[in-house]
Each structure stands twice: as C-alpha cells, then as structure tokens.
Protein backbone atom coordinates (compact mmCIF):
# COMPACT_ATOMS: atom_id res chain seq x y z
CA UNK A 1 0.00 0.00 0.00
CA UNK A 2 2.83 2.37 0.85
CA UNK A 3 4.40 1.69 -2.57
CA UNK A 4 1.14 2.56 -4.31
CA UNK A 5 0.90 5.86 -2.45
CA UNK A 6 4.55 6.66 -3.17
CA UNK A 7 4.03 5.83 -6.86
CA UNK A 8 0.95 8.06 -7.02
CA UNK A 9 2.87 10.92 -5.39
CA UNK A 10 5.74 10.46 -7.84
CA UNK A 11 3.41 10.52 -10.84
CA UNK A 12 1.66 13.60 -9.50
CA UNK A 13 4.95 15.42 -8.93
CA UNK A 14 6.12 14.48 -12.44
CA UNK A 15 2.99 15.96 -13.96
CA UNK A 16 3.55 19.26 -12.17
CA UNK A 17 7.23 19.35 -13.13
CA UNK A 18 6.42 18.69 -16.79
CA UNK A 19 3.85 21.48 -16.79
CA UNK A 20 6.31 23.90 -15.24
CA UNK A 21 8.97 22.94 -17.77
CA UNK A 22 6.59 23.46 -20.70
CA UNK A 23 5.48 26.78 -19.30
CA UNK A 24 9.09 27.96 -19.02
CA UNK A 25 9.86 26.93 -22.60
CA UNK A 26 6.89 28.90 -23.97
CA UNK A 27 8.14 32.11 -22.42
CA UNK A 28 11.62 31.92 -23.98
CA UNK A 29 10.52 32.55 -27.57
CA UNK A 30 12.07 31.07 -30.71
CA UNK A 31 15.82 30.74 -31.01
CA UNK A 32 17.55 32.48 -33.89
CA UNK A 33 18.32 29.95 -36.60
CA UNK A 34 19.45 30.07 -40.19
CA UNK A 35 17.73 26.75 -40.97
CA UNK A 36 14.64 28.23 -42.60
CA UNK A 37 16.41 31.04 -44.46
CA UNK A 38 17.74 30.68 -48.01
CA UNK A 39 19.79 33.51 -49.48
CA UNK A 40 19.89 34.04 -53.26
CA UNK A 41 22.40 36.49 -54.74
CA UNK A 42 20.71 37.98 -57.82
CA UNK A 43 24.02 39.22 -59.20
CA UNK A 44 24.79 35.55 -59.91
CA UNK A 45 21.77 34.93 -62.16
CA UNK A 46 21.32 31.14 -62.40
CA UNK A 47 19.94 31.48 -65.95
CA UNK A 48 23.51 31.90 -67.18
CA UNK A 49 24.09 28.21 -66.35
CA UNK A 50 21.65 25.36 -66.11
CA UNK A 51 19.51 26.92 -63.36
CA UNK A 52 16.07 28.39 -63.66
CA UNK A 53 15.57 32.06 -64.43
CA UNK A 54 14.87 34.49 -61.59
CA UNK A 55 11.44 36.15 -61.56
CA UNK A 56 11.40 39.66 -63.06
CA UNK A 57 10.15 41.06 -59.74
CA UNK A 58 13.40 39.87 -58.16
CA UNK A 59 15.95 40.39 -60.93
CA UNK A 60 14.68 43.94 -61.47
CA UNK A 61 12.77 44.84 -58.29
CA UNK A 62 10.62 47.92 -58.03
CA UNK A 63 11.23 50.41 -55.22
CA UNK A 64 8.07 49.06 -53.52
CA UNK A 65 9.44 45.50 -53.48
CA UNK A 66 12.70 46.70 -51.94
CA UNK A 67 10.87 48.87 -49.41
CA UNK A 68 8.61 45.94 -48.41
CA UNK A 69 11.65 43.68 -47.94
CA UNK A 70 13.37 46.25 -45.74
CA UNK A 71 10.16 46.75 -43.73
CA UNK A 72 9.89 43.00 -43.18
CA UNK A 73 13.46 42.94 -41.86
CA UNK A 74 12.57 45.72 -39.42
CA UNK A 75 9.50 43.84 -38.18
CA UNK A 76 11.19 40.42 -37.93
CA UNK A 77 14.32 40.63 -35.77
CA UNK A 78 14.74 36.83 -35.93
CA UNK A 79 15.06 36.99 -39.70
CA UNK A 80 17.47 39.92 -39.48
CA UNK A 81 19.59 37.99 -36.96
CA UNK A 82 19.59 34.87 -39.16
CA UNK A 83 20.80 36.94 -42.12
CA UNK A 84 23.47 38.63 -40.03
CA UNK A 85 24.67 35.16 -38.95
CA UNK A 86 25.09 34.35 -42.67
CA UNK A 87 27.12 37.57 -43.18
CA UNK A 88 24.39 39.26 -45.23
CA UNK A 89 24.42 43.05 -45.18
CA UNK A 90 20.79 43.92 -44.50
CA UNK A 91 20.93 46.96 -46.80
CA UNK A 92 21.56 44.55 -49.72
CA UNK A 93 18.23 42.71 -49.22
CA UNK A 94 15.97 43.53 -52.18
CA UNK A 95 13.14 40.99 -51.87
CA UNK A 96 11.81 38.39 -49.45
CA UNK A 97 9.45 35.54 -50.28
CA UNK A 98 7.84 33.05 -47.92
CA UNK A 99 8.30 29.45 -49.07
CA UNK A 100 5.54 26.85 -48.90
CA UNK A 101 7.12 25.33 -45.78
CA UNK A 102 7.16 28.72 -44.01
CA UNK A 103 10.85 29.33 -44.60
CA UNK A 104 12.12 32.54 -46.13
CA UNK A 105 13.86 33.07 -49.46
CA UNK A 106 15.86 36.29 -49.26
CA UNK A 107 17.17 37.90 -52.43
CA UNK A 108 20.25 40.11 -52.17
CA UNK A 109 22.48 42.04 -54.56
C-alpha cells in the first residue's frame, strides 16, 4: 500500500514538473536559426548556367518590393539575426518571399 501511495505521489509530482517545464519553454521565444532562411544572390543569375531564371520582380525589383523587404526585416528581428549570422548586409536585401514550408527566401544584390 505504501508503494502505491509513493508511486501516485511520484506521478503527481512528475505531472507538475512537466507542466512547469513546458510553461518555461513557452516564455523563452524562438531561437535564432538560419535553418529556414535561403539567401539568393541575384548578381549571380542562375539562368547563365543550367539553373532556372529568376522572376522579373526579383531580378529587377521595383522600389516598392525593396521597401517591403526592408520593412519585413525591421518587423522580424529573428530573420534579421539569421541573415546577419550568414554575413548578409541587411541593406543589400531587395526581396523576401515566404516558401511553402514557411521558410524565407531572401534575395540580395
């Protein structure tokens, strides 16, 4: 009987500890990672080799496209940090697209 009570107390304590651990992890926020960020240098147009051609909106971006990309960098410090970790000068970012998997494709010159 004592073993059953001790086991129940252990299970109960584990449930509280797991909840506290999950609560702590939620408050930390996402870690900066370069895993979901792909950088494409438009000065090295892949159409010169066997690659696919860049979209016109990227190879010759309008001022609005560039302004939107810079605004997105300002509003997403995690993305800016990931680019900095890849030695990208943020002023060279001319377009940003969101991939189907939620990752970012960042075009630079």
